[in-house]
PDB file of N, CA and C in Angstrom:
ATOM      1  N   MET A   1      -9.413  27.296  11.879  1.00  0.00           N
ATOM      2  CA  MET A   1      -8.254  26.424  11.169  1.00  0.00           C
ATOM      3  C   MET A   1      -8.006  26.429  10.006  1.00  0.00           C
ATOM      4  N   TYR A   2      -6.666  26.036  10.298  1.00  0.00           N
ATOM      5  CA  TYR A   2      -5.486  25.492   8.785  1.00  0.00           C
ATOM      6  C   TYR A   2      -5.189  24.056   8.355  1.00  0.00           C
ATOM      7  N   LEU A   3      -5.371  23.949   7.451  1.00  0.00           N
ATOM      8  CA  LEU A   3      -5.487  22.291   6.533  1.00  0.00           C
ATOM      9  C   LEU A   3      -4.928  22.839   5.644  1.00  0.00           C
ATOM     10  N   PRO A   4      -3.271  21.318   5.724  1.00  0.00           N
ATOM     11  CA  PRO A   4      -3.050  21.450   4.436  1.00  0.00           C
ATOM     12  C   PRO A   4      -3.111  20.617   2.794  1.00  0.00           C
ATOM     13  N   THR A   5      -2.933  21.138   1.919  1.00  0.00           N
ATOM     14  CA  THR A   5      -3.678  20.762   1.018  1.00  0.00           C
ATOM     15  C   THR A   5      -3.522  18.632   0.982  1.00  0.00           C
ATOM     16  N   TYR A   6      -2.369  18.404   1.570  1.00  0.00           N
ATOM     17  CA  TYR A   6      -1.658  17.211   0.938  1.00  0.00           C
ATOM     18  C   TYR A   6      -1.860  16.619   2.866  1.00  0.00           C
ATOM     19  N   SER A   7      -2.535  15.992   3.287  1.00  0.00           N
ATOM     20  CA  SER A   7      -2.912  15.098   4.868  1.00  0.00           C
ATOM     21  C   SER A   7      -2.852  14.079   4.639  1.00  0.00           C
ATOM     22  N   PRO A   8      -1.593  13.243   5.037  1.00  0.00           N
ATOM     23  CA  PRO A   8      -2.155  12.183   4.482  1.00  0.00           C
ATOM     24  C   PRO A   8      -2.686  11.613   6.434  1.00  0.00           C
ATOM     25  N   ASP A   9      -2.500  12.081   6.990  1.00  0.00           N
ATOM     26  CA  ASP A   9      -2.967  11.799   8.731  1.00  0.00           C
ATOM     27  C   ASP A   9      -4.288  12.025   8.556  1.00  0.00           C
ATOM     28  N   LEU A  10      -5.225  12.453   7.644  1.00  0.00           N
ATOM     29  CA  LEU A  10      -6.712  12.778   7.936  1.00  0.00           C
ATOM     30  C   LEU A  10      -7.127  12.331   6.632  1.00  0.00           C
ATOM     31  N   ASN A  11      -6.306  11.469   6.048  1.00  0.00           N
ATOM     32  CA  ASN A  11      -6.848  10.758   4.839  1.00  0.00           C
ATOM     33  C   ASN A  11      -6.908   9.301   4.835  1.00  0.00           C
ATOM     34  N   PRO A  12      -7.481   8.687   5.429  1.00  0.00           N
ATOM     35  CA  PRO A  12      -7.642   7.206   5.476  1.00  0.00           C
ATOM     36  C   PRO A  12      -7.083   5.966   4.672  1.00  0.00           C
ATOM     37  N   ILE A  13      -7.580   6.779   3.226  1.00  0.00           N
ATOM     38  CA  ILE A  13      -6.516   6.121   1.907  1.00  0.00           C
ATOM     39  C   ILE A  13      -5.422   5.927   1.972  1.00  0.00           C
ATOM     40  N   GLU A  14      -4.778   7.549   2.779  1.00  0.00           N
ATOM     41  CA  GLU A  14      -2.981   6.955   2.465  1.00  0.00           C
ATOM     42  C   GLU A  14      -2.592   5.677   3.234  1.00  0.00           C
ATOM     43  N   LYS A  15      -2.821   5.332   4.321  1.00  0.00           N
ATOM     44  CA  LYS A  15      -2.906   4.270   4.865  1.00  0.00           C
ATOM     45  C   LYS A  15      -2.740   2.897   4.539  1.00  0.00           C
ATOM     46  N   ALA A  16      -4.050   2.885   3.307  1.00  0.00           N
ATOM     47  CA  ALA A  16      -4.716   1.494   3.147  1.00  0.00           C
ATOM     48  C   ALA A  16      -3.700   1.580   2.056  1.00  0.00           C
ATOM     49  N   TRP A  17      -3.345   2.799   1.176  1.00  0.00           N
ATOM     50  CA  TRP A  17      -2.234   2.529   0.089  1.00  0.00           C
ATOM     51  C   TRP A  17      -0.722   2.095   0.414  1.00  0.00           C
ATOM     52  N   SER A  18       0.215   2.460   1.804  1.00  0.00           N
ATOM     53  CA  SER A  18       1.091   2.572   2.560  1.00  0.00           C
ATOM     54  C   SER A  18       0.906   0.675   3.164  1.00  0.00           C
ATOM     55  N   ILE A  19       0.352   0.402   3.393  1.00  0.00           N
ATOM     56  CA  ILE A  19       0.034  -0.593   3.785  1.00  0.00           C
ATOM     57  C   ILE A  19      -0.004  -1.833   2.196  1.00  0.00           C
ATOM     58  N   LEU A  20      -0.334  -1.854   1.214  1.00  0.00           N
ATOM     59  CA  LEU A  20      -0.282  -1.904   0.418  1.00  0.00           C
ATOM     60  C   LEU A  20       0.817  -2.806  -0.079  1.00  0.00           C
ATOM     61  N   LYS A  21       1.170  -1.262   0.095  1.00  0.00           N
ATOM     62  CA  LYS A  21       3.139  -1.045  -0.667  1.00  0.00           C
ATOM     63  C   LYS A  21       3.848  -1.258   0.053  1.00  0.00           C
ATOM     64  N   ARG A  22       3.427  -1.336   0.826  1.00  0.00           N
ATOM     65  CA  ARG A  22       4.562  -2.836   2.264  1.00  0.00           C
ATOM     66  C   ARG A  22       4.557  -3.870   1.512  1.00  0.00           C
ATOM     67  N   LYS A  23       3.075  -4.621   1.839  1.00  0.00           N
ATOM     68  CA  LYS A  23       2.979  -5.812   1.546  1.00  0.00           C
ATOM     69  C   LYS A  23       3.453  -6.384  -0.367  1.00  0.00           C
ATOM     70  N   VAL A  24       3.472  -5.304  -0.839  1.00  0.00           N
ATOM     71  CA  VAL A  24       4.331  -5.535  -1.825  1.00  0.00           C
ATOM     72  C   VAL A  24       5.292  -5.960  -2.036  1.00  0.00           C
ATOM     73  N   ARG A  25       5.896  -4.995  -1.768  1.00  0.00           N
ATOM     74  CA  ARG A  25       7.297  -4.814  -1.430  1.00  0.00           C
ATOM     75  C   ARG A  25       7.879  -6.009  -0.673  1.00  0.00           C
ATOM     76  N   HIS A  26       7.503  -6.693   0.012  1.00  0.00           N
ATOM     77  CA  HIS A  26       7.783  -7.903   0.353  1.00  0.00           C
ATOM     78  C   HIS A  26       7.718  -8.680   0.311  1.00  0.00           C
ATOM     79  N   ILE A  27       6.253  -8.960  -0.688  1.00  0.00           N
ATOM     80  CA  ILE A  27       6.193 -10.476  -1.688  1.00  0.00           C
ATOM     81  C   ILE A  27       7.145 -10.504  -3.333  1.00  0.00           C
ATOM     82  N   VAL A  28       7.650  -9.086  -3.038  1.00  0.00           N
ATOM     83  CA  VAL A  28       8.061  -8.902  -4.478  1.00  0.00           C
ATOM     84  C   VAL A  28       9.586  -9.959  -4.063  1.00  0.00           C
ATOM     85  N   SER A  29      10.099  -9.013  -2.799  1.00  0.00           N
ATOM     86  CA  SER A  29      11.508  -9.272  -2.945  1.00  0.00           C
ATOM     87  C   SER A  29      11.744 -10.495  -2.016  1.00  0.00           C
ATOM     88  N   GLN A  30      10.996 -11.196  -1.045  1.00  0.00           N
ATOM     89  CA  GLN A  30      10.607 -12.870  -0.614  1.00  0.00           C
ATOM     90  C   GLN A  30      10.558 -14.090  -2.005  1.00  0.00           C
ATOM     91  N   GLN A  31       9.870 -13.703  -2.885  1.00  0.00           N
ATOM     92  CA  GLN A  31       9.125 -14.738  -3.187  1.00  0.00           C
ATOM     93  C   GLN A  31       9.638 -14.524  -4.869  1.00  0.00           C
ATOM     94  N   GLN A  32      10.259 -13.432  -5.181  1.00  0.00           N
ATOM     95  CA  GLN A  32      10.279 -13.743  -6.267  1.00  0.00           C
ATOM     96  C   GLN A  32       8.506 -13.453  -7.602  1.00  0.00           C
ATOM     97  N   LYS A  33       8.066 -12.977  -7.246  1.00  0.00           N
ATOM     98  CA  LYS A  33       6.988 -12.894  -7.876  1.00  0.00           C
ATOM     99  C   LYS A  33       6.647 -11.475  -8.678  1.00  0.00           C
ATOM    100  N   THR A  34       6.142 -11.405 -10.042  1.00  0.00           N
ATOM    101  CA  THR A  34       5.615 -10.171 -10.504  1.00  0.00           C
ATOM    102  C   THR A  34       5.294  -9.309  -9.462  1.00  0.00           C
ATOM    103  N   ILE A  35       5.236  -8.119 -10.092  1.00  0.00           N
ATOM    104  CA  ILE A  35       4.715  -6.851  -8.960  1.00  0.00           C
ATOM    105  C   ILE A  35       2.968  -7.668  -9.511  1.00  0.00           C
ATOM    106  N   LEU A  36       2.939  -7.477 -10.574  1.00  0.00           N
ATOM    107  CA  LEU A  36       0.932  -7.720 -11.009  1.00  0.00           C
ATOM    108  C   LEU A  36       0.192  -8.741  -9.901  1.00  0.00           C
ATOM    109  N   GLU A  37       1.677 -10.045  -9.261  1.00  0.00           N
ATOM    110  CA  GLU A  37       1.085 -10.916  -9.302  1.00  0.00           C
ATOM    111  C   GLU A  37       0.889 -10.372  -7.656  1.00  0.00           C
ATOM    112  N   ALA A  38       1.666  -9.784  -7.073  1.00  0.00           N
ATOM    113  CA  ALA A  38       1.762  -9.461  -5.427  1.00  0.00           C
ATOM    114  C   ALA A  38       1.024  -8.554  -4.917  1.00  0.00           C
ATOM    115  N   LEU A  39      -0.029  -7.740  -6.112  1.00  0.00           N
ATOM    116  CA  LEU A  39      -0.928  -6.432  -6.818  1.00  0.00           C
ATOM    117  C   LEU A  39      -1.790  -7.270  -5.641  1.00  0.00           C
ATOM    118  N   ASP A  40      -2.355  -8.772  -6.431  1.00  0.00           N
ATOM    119  CA  ASP A  40      -3.310  -8.844  -6.410  1.00  0.00           C
ATOM    120  C   ASP A  40      -3.104 -10.274  -5.049  1.00  0.00           C
ATOM    121  N   ILE A  41      -1.921 -10.320  -4.605  1.00  0.00           N
ATOM    122  CA  ILE A  41      -2.116 -11.567  -3.335  1.00  0.00           C
ATOM    123  C   ILE A  41      -2.407  -9.810  -2.184  1.00  0.00           C
ATOM    124  N   GLY A  42      -1.525  -8.621  -2.395  1.00  0.00           N
ATOM    125  CA  GLY A  42      -1.742  -8.306  -1.678  1.00  0.00           C
ATOM    126  C   GLY A  42      -3.360  -7.511  -1.467  1.00  0.00           C
ATOM    127  N   PHE A  43      -4.179  -6.901  -2.828  1.00  0.00           N
ATOM    128  CA  PHE A  43      -5.421  -6.848  -2.612  1.00  0.00           C
ATOM    129  C   PHE A  43      -6.570  -7.936  -1.673  1.00  0.00           C
ATOM    130  N   ASN A  44      -5.260  -9.309  -2.302  1.00  0.00           N
ATOM    131  CA  ASN A  44      -6.726  -9.973  -1.227  1.00  0.00           C
ATOM    132  C   ASN A  44      -6.581 -10.030   0.254  1.00  0.00           C
ATOM    133  N   GLN A  45      -5.039 -10.032   0.562  1.00  0.00           N
ATOM    134  CA  GLN A  45      -4.935 -10.230   2.753  1.00  0.00           C
ATOM    135  C   GLN A  45      -5.723  -8.856   3.072  1.00  0.00           C
ATOM    136  N   MET A  46      -5.570  -7.904   2.407  1.00  0.00           N
ATOM    137  CA  MET A  46      -6.422  -6.737   2.895  1.00  0.00           C
ATOM    138  C   MET A  46      -7.991  -7.056   3.795  1.00  0.00           C
TER     139      MET A  46
END
């Protein structure tokens, strides 16, 4: 069975990073927070 070297569909952490990035982008754009503040909020929401 062939598995590619990079397979985000088979790696659950990739989905978590995707969700966190989406949350951070939303927080930064909507609330005028810094990236570090948005990361803190995003991690707390996960």
